[in-house]
Amino acid sequence: MANLIENKKIRLDYEIVETYEAGIELLGLEVKSIRANQGSLLGSHVLIRGGEAFLMNADIPAYQKNNTPESYNPLRNRKLLLHKADTQKILNVSEKKGSGGKGKGLTIVPVSMYSKNGKIKVEIAIVKGKKKHDKRQALKKRENDRQISREFAL
């Protein structure tokens, strides 16, 4: 399982509640571009409409700019391939508002794109946004862990 594209800011900006694996509908030039580690998931999100999931705002440039059709849009919406049960489960968790506060403030975002058995897969997660002080705390903890590991390495 080779990690091709990763959204590195997810773990800093959000707290991950649940993760899922989904296939993705791509054009041939997009597959080649992703396998060449080109593209960005920064600022992208998943939207569920009519029982289908779509990846919105993911930037996947053309593999060869000179051979690309003029109508190609690198930010186009791409359909995610999920089982109906998974789609329904994601929808229930992300939109459930009320008892327990579960569902309030939750978003669905792509975490990474990777290759599995020759197919491109997307890891999507239901996440909850972190507050500013939570982000500072996470950065402080990470810096302390690095410092401790450096001292043990010496």
C-alpha atoms as a PDB file:
ATOM      1  CA  MET A   1       0.000   0.000   0.000  1.00  0.00           C
ATOM      2  CA  ALA A   2       1.906   3.023  -1.258  1.00  0.00           C
ATOM      3  CA  ASN A   3       0.781   6.423   0.027  1.00  0.00           C
ATOM      4  CA  LEU A   4       0.566   8.677  -3.037  1.00  0.00           C
ATOM      5  CA  ILE A   5      -1.013  11.927  -1.803  1.00  0.00           C
ATOM      6  CA  GLU A   6      -1.570  12.904   1.823  1.00  0.00           C
ATOM      7  CA  ASN A   7      -3.348  15.811   3.489  1.00  0.00           C
ATOM      8  CA  LYS A   8      -0.834  16.550   6.249  1.00  0.00           C
ATOM      9  CA  LYS A   9      -2.817  19.358   7.903  1.00  0.00           C
ATOM     10  CA  ILE A  10      -5.760  17.093   8.801  1.00  0.00           C
ATOM     11  CA  ARG A  11      -4.272  15.842  12.051  1.00  0.00           C
ATOM     12  CA  LEU A  12      -3.363  19.375  13.142  1.00  0.00           C
ATOM     13  CA  ASP A  13      -6.673  21.055  12.261  1.00  0.00           C
ATOM     14  CA  TYR A  14      -9.109  18.239  13.054  1.00  0.00           C
ATOM     15  CA  GLU A  15      -9.764  15.429  15.489  1.00  0.00           C
ATOM     16  CA  ILE A  16     -10.516  12.215  13.556  1.00  0.00           C
ATOM     17  CA  VAL A  17     -13.715  10.455  14.671  1.00  0.00           C
ATOM     18  CA  GLU A  18     -13.965   7.607  12.091  1.00  0.00           C
ATOM     19  CA  THR A  19     -12.152   6.621   8.884  1.00  0.00           C
ATOM     20  CA  TYR A  20     -13.382   4.807   5.773  1.00  0.00           C
ATOM     21  CA  GLU A  21     -11.840   3.519   2.557  1.00  0.00           C
ATOM     22  CA  ALA A  22     -13.416   4.463  -0.767  1.00  0.00           C
ATOM     23  CA  GLY A  23     -12.665   3.944  -4.427  1.00  0.00           C
ATOM     24  CA  ILE A  24     -12.671   6.928  -6.764  1.00  0.00           C
ATOM     25  CA  GLU A  25     -13.737   7.505 -10.380  1.00  0.00           C
ATOM     26  CA  LEU A  26     -10.788   8.995 -12.260  1.00  0.00           C
ATOM     27  CA  LEU A  27      -9.757   9.715 -15.829  1.00  0.00           C
ATOM     28  CA  GLY A  28      -6.631   7.994 -17.165  1.00  0.00           C
ATOM     29  CA  LEU A  29      -4.592  11.191 -17.087  1.00  0.00           C
ATOM     30  CA  GLU A  30      -5.566  11.705 -13.441  1.00  0.00           C
ATOM     31  CA  VAL A  31      -4.463   8.188 -12.484  1.00  0.00           C
ATOM     32  CA  LYS A  32      -1.036   8.765 -14.042  1.00  0.00           C
ATOM     33  CA  SER A  33      -0.771  12.121 -12.295  1.00  0.00           C
ATOM     34  CA  ILE A  34      -1.631  10.657  -8.882  1.00  0.00           C
ATOM     35  CA  ARG A  35       0.841   7.792  -9.340  1.00  0.00           C
ATOM     36  CA  ALA A  36       3.478  10.451 -10.040  1.00  0.00           C
ATOM     37  CA  ASN A  37       2.590  11.975  -6.614  1.00  0.00           C
ATOM     38  CA  GLN A  38       1.106  15.095  -8.179  1.00  0.00           C
ATOM     39  CA  GLY A  39      -1.977  16.638  -6.658  1.00  0.00           C
ATOM     40  CA  SER A  40      -3.263  18.112  -3.445  1.00  0.00           C
ATOM     41  CA  LEU A  41      -6.074  17.289  -1.031  1.00  0.00           C
ATOM     42  CA  LEU A  42      -5.640  20.560   0.864  1.00  0.00           C
ATOM     43  CA  GLY A  43      -8.988  22.311   1.237  1.00  0.00           C
ATOM     44  CA  SER A  44     -10.986  19.432  -0.241  1.00  0.00           C
ATOM     45  CA  HIS A  45     -14.010  17.792   1.349  1.00  0.00           C
ATOM     46  CA  VAL A  46     -16.585  15.061   0.723  1.00  0.00           C
ATOM     47  CA  LEU A  47     -20.234  15.803  -0.013  1.00  0.00           C
ATOM     48  CA  ILE A  48     -23.036  13.227   0.009  1.00  0.00           C
ATOM     49  CA  ARG A  49     -25.956  13.902  -2.349  1.00  0.00           C
ATOM     50  CA  GLY A  50     -28.679  11.479  -3.367  1.00  0.00           C
ATOM     51  CA  GLY A  51     -26.987   8.532  -1.690  1.00  0.00           C
ATOM     52  CA  GLU A  52     -23.691   9.111  -3.545  1.00  0.00           C
ATOM     53  CA  ALA A  53     -20.454  10.589  -2.215  1.00  0.00           C
ATOM     54  CA  PHE A  54     -18.417  13.142  -4.174  1.00  0.00           C
ATOM     55  CA  LEU A  55     -14.892  14.461  -3.614  1.00  0.00           C
ATOM     56  CA  MET A  56     -15.012  18.228  -3.996  1.00  0.00           C
ATOM     57  CA  ASN A  57     -12.138  20.638  -4.620  1.00  0.00           C
ATOM     58  CA  ALA A  58      -9.298  18.094  -4.844  1.00  0.00           C
ATOM     59  CA  ASP A  59      -6.600  19.477  -7.134  1.00  0.00           C
ATOM     60  CA  ILE A  60      -5.329  16.779  -9.508  1.00  0.00           C
ATOM     61  CA  PRO A  61      -3.368  18.342 -12.379  1.00  0.00           C
ATOM     62  CA  ALA A  62      -3.068  16.764 -15.808  1.00  0.00           C
ATOM     63  CA  TYR A  63      -0.206  14.298 -16.272  1.00  0.00           C
ATOM     64  CA  GLN A  64       1.007  15.894 -19.510  1.00  0.00           C
ATOM     65  CA  LYS A  65      -0.226  19.444 -19.990  1.00  0.00           C
ATOM     66  CA  ASN A  66       0.349  19.433 -23.763  1.00  0.00           C
ATOM     67  CA  ASN A  67      -1.784  16.311 -24.362  1.00  0.00           C
ATOM     68  CA  THR A  68      -4.657  17.382 -22.115  1.00  0.00           C
ATOM     69  CA  PRO A  69      -8.051  18.383 -23.530  1.00  0.00           C
ATOM     70  CA  GLU A  70      -8.792  22.098 -23.139  1.00  0.00           C
ATOM     71  CA  SER A  71     -11.994  21.330 -21.247  1.00  0.00           C
ATOM     72  CA  TYR A  72     -10.164  19.482 -18.442  1.00  0.00           C
ATOM     73  CA  ASN A  73     -10.768  20.970 -14.983  1.00  0.00           C
ATOM     74  CA  PRO A  74      -8.248  19.887 -12.292  1.00  0.00           C
ATOM     75  CA  LEU A  75     -10.700  20.850  -9.505  1.00  0.00           C
ATOM     76  CA  ARG A  76     -13.666  18.913 -10.885  1.00  0.00           C
ATOM     77  CA  ASN A  77     -15.956  16.885  -8.615  1.00  0.00           C
ATOM     78  CA  ARG A  78     -15.092  13.192  -8.529  1.00  0.00           C
ATOM     79  CA  LYS A  79     -17.452  10.400  -7.522  1.00  0.00           C
ATOM     80  CA  LEU A  80     -16.392   8.206  -4.607  1.00  0.00           C
ATOM     81  CA  LEU A  81     -17.251   4.524  -4.727  1.00  0.00           C
ATOM     82  CA  LEU A  82     -18.651   3.380  -1.383  1.00  0.00           C
ATOM     83  CA  HIS A  83     -21.005   0.621  -0.339  1.00  0.00           C
ATOM     84  CA  LYS A  84     -24.532   1.866   0.355  1.00  0.00           C
ATOM     85  CA  ALA A  85     -24.266   0.760   3.981  1.00  0.00           C
ATOM     86  CA  ASP A  86     -21.063   2.791   4.453  1.00  0.00           C
ATOM     87  CA  THR A  87     -22.602   5.828   2.767  1.00  0.00           C
ATOM     88  CA  GLN A  88     -25.640   5.612   5.030  1.00  0.00           C
ATOM     89  CA  LYS A  89     -23.466   5.130   8.120  1.00  0.00           C
ATOM     90  CA  ILE A  90     -21.359   8.189   7.230  1.00  0.00           C
ATOM     91  CA  LEU A  91     -24.484  10.231   6.587  1.00  0.00           C
ATOM     92  CA  ASN A  92     -26.044   9.177   9.900  1.00  0.00           C
ATOM     93  CA  VAL A  93     -22.952  10.019  11.943  1.00  0.00           C
ATOM     94  CA  SER A  94     -22.146  13.308  10.214  1.00  0.00           C
ATOM     95  CA  GLU A  95     -25.695  14.713  10.233  1.00  0.00           C
ATOM     96  CA  LYS A  96     -26.963  13.436  13.582  1.00  0.00           C
ATOM     97  CA  LYS A  97     -27.683  16.487  15.695  1.00  0.00           C
ATOM     98  CA  GLY A  98     -29.209  16.323  19.105  1.00  0.00           C
ATOM     99  CA  SER A  99     -28.573  13.813  21.862  1.00  0.00           C
ATOM    100  CA  GLY A 100     -24.984  13.557  22.952  1.00  0.00           C
ATOM    101  CA  GLY A 101     -23.846  16.273  20.537  1.00  0.00           C
ATOM    102  CA  LYS A 102     -22.615  13.612  18.117  1.00  0.00           C
ATOM    103  CA  GLY A 103     -22.797  14.944  14.602  1.00  0.00           C
ATOM    104  CA  LYS A 104     -22.654  18.613  15.492  1.00  0.00           C
ATOM    105  CA  GLY A 105     -19.702  20.321  13.853  1.00  0.00           C
ATOM    106  CA  LEU A 106     -18.573  17.189  11.976  1.00  0.00           C
ATOM    107  CA  THR A 107     -17.127  17.298   8.470  1.00  0.00           C
ATOM    108  CA  ILE A 108     -16.097  14.606   5.986  1.00  0.00           C
ATOM    109  CA  VAL A 109     -12.617  15.125   4.527  1.00  0.00           C
ATOM    110  CA  PRO A 110     -10.125  13.052   2.511  1.00  0.00           C
ATOM    111  CA  VAL A 111      -7.029  12.084   4.485  1.00  0.00           C
ATOM    112  CA  SER A 112      -4.940  10.412   1.775  1.00  0.00           C
ATOM    113  CA  MET A 113      -4.897   8.709  -1.616  1.00  0.00           C
ATOM    114  CA  TYR A 114      -3.030   5.439  -1.924  1.00  0.00           C
ATOM    115  CA  SER A 115      -2.609   2.461  -4.204  1.00  0.00           C
ATOM    116  CA  LYS A 116      -4.046  -0.897  -3.131  1.00  0.00           C
ATOM    117  CA  ASN A 117      -3.952  -3.940  -5.420  1.00  0.00           C
ATOM    118  CA  GLY A 118      -3.352  -1.691  -8.430  1.00  0.00           C
ATOM    119  CA  LYS A 119      -6.350   0.556  -7.691  1.00  0.00           C
ATOM    120  CA  ILE A 120      -6.384   4.106  -6.351  1.00  0.00           C
ATOM    121  CA  LYS A 121      -8.196   4.373  -3.014  1.00  0.00           C
ATOM    122  CA  VAL A 122      -9.127   7.380  -0.896  1.00  0.00           C
ATOM    123  CA  GLU A 123      -9.112   7.323   2.891  1.00  0.00           C
ATOM    124  CA  ILE A 124     -11.902   9.595   4.085  1.00  0.00           C
ATOM    125  CA  ALA A 125     -12.573  10.571   7.667  1.00  0.00           C
ATOM    126  CA  ILE A 126     -15.348  12.087   9.695  1.00  0.00           C
ATOM    127  CA  VAL A 127     -13.622  14.831  11.657  1.00  0.00           C
ATOM    128  CA  LYS A 128     -14.367  17.459  14.262  1.00  0.00           C
ATOM    129  CA  GLY A 129     -12.583  20.812  14.130  1.00  0.00           C
ATOM    130  CA  LYS A 130     -10.063  21.667  16.841  1.00  0.00           C
ATOM    131  CA  LYS A 131     -10.090  24.952  18.699  1.00  0.00           C
ATOM    132  CA  LYS A 132      -7.057  27.230  18.615  1.00  0.00           C
ATOM    133  CA  HIS A 133      -5.873  26.209  22.098  1.00  0.00           C
ATOM    134  CA  ASP A 134      -6.162  22.508  21.136  1.00  0.00           C
ATOM    135  CA  LYS A 135      -3.893  23.113  18.140  1.00  0.00           C
ATOM    136  CA  ARG A 136      -1.342  24.892  20.326  1.00  0.00           C
ATOM    137  CA  GLN A 137      -1.448  22.050  22.814  1.00  0.00           C
ATOM    138  CA  ALA A 138      -0.889  19.474  20.046  1.00  0.00           C
ATOM    139  CA  LEU A 139       2.092  21.425  18.669  1.00  0.00           C
ATOM    140  CA  LYS A 140       3.571  21.767  22.165  1.00  0.00           C
ATOM    141  CA  LYS A 141       3.171  18.024  22.828  1.00  0.00           C
ATOM    142  CA  ARG A 142       4.751  17.144  19.465  1.00  0.00           C
ATOM    143  CA  GLU A 143       7.719  19.440  20.157  1.00  0.00           C
ATOM    144  CA  ASN A 144       8.211  17.919  23.633  1.00  0.00           C
ATOM    145  CA  ASP A 145       8.105  14.390  22.188  1.00  0.00           C
ATOM    146  CA  ARG A 146      10.749  15.337  19.603  1.00  0.00           C
ATOM    147  CA  GLN A 147      12.980  16.843  22.267  1.00  0.00           C
ATOM    148  CA  ILE A 148      12.693  13.748  24.463  1.00  0.00           C
ATOM    149  CA  SER A 149      13.493  11.424  21.548  1.00  0.00           C
ATOM    150  CA  ARG A 150      16.548  13.551  20.668  1.00  0.00           C
ATOM    151  CA  GLU A 151      17.844  13.345  24.237  1.00  0.00           C
ATOM    152  CA  PHE A 152      17.421   9.556  24.297  1.00  0.00           C
ATOM    153  CA  ALA A 153      19.186   9.233  20.938  1.00  0.00           C
ATOM    154  CA  LEU A 154      22.315  10.939  22.301  1.00  0.00           C
END
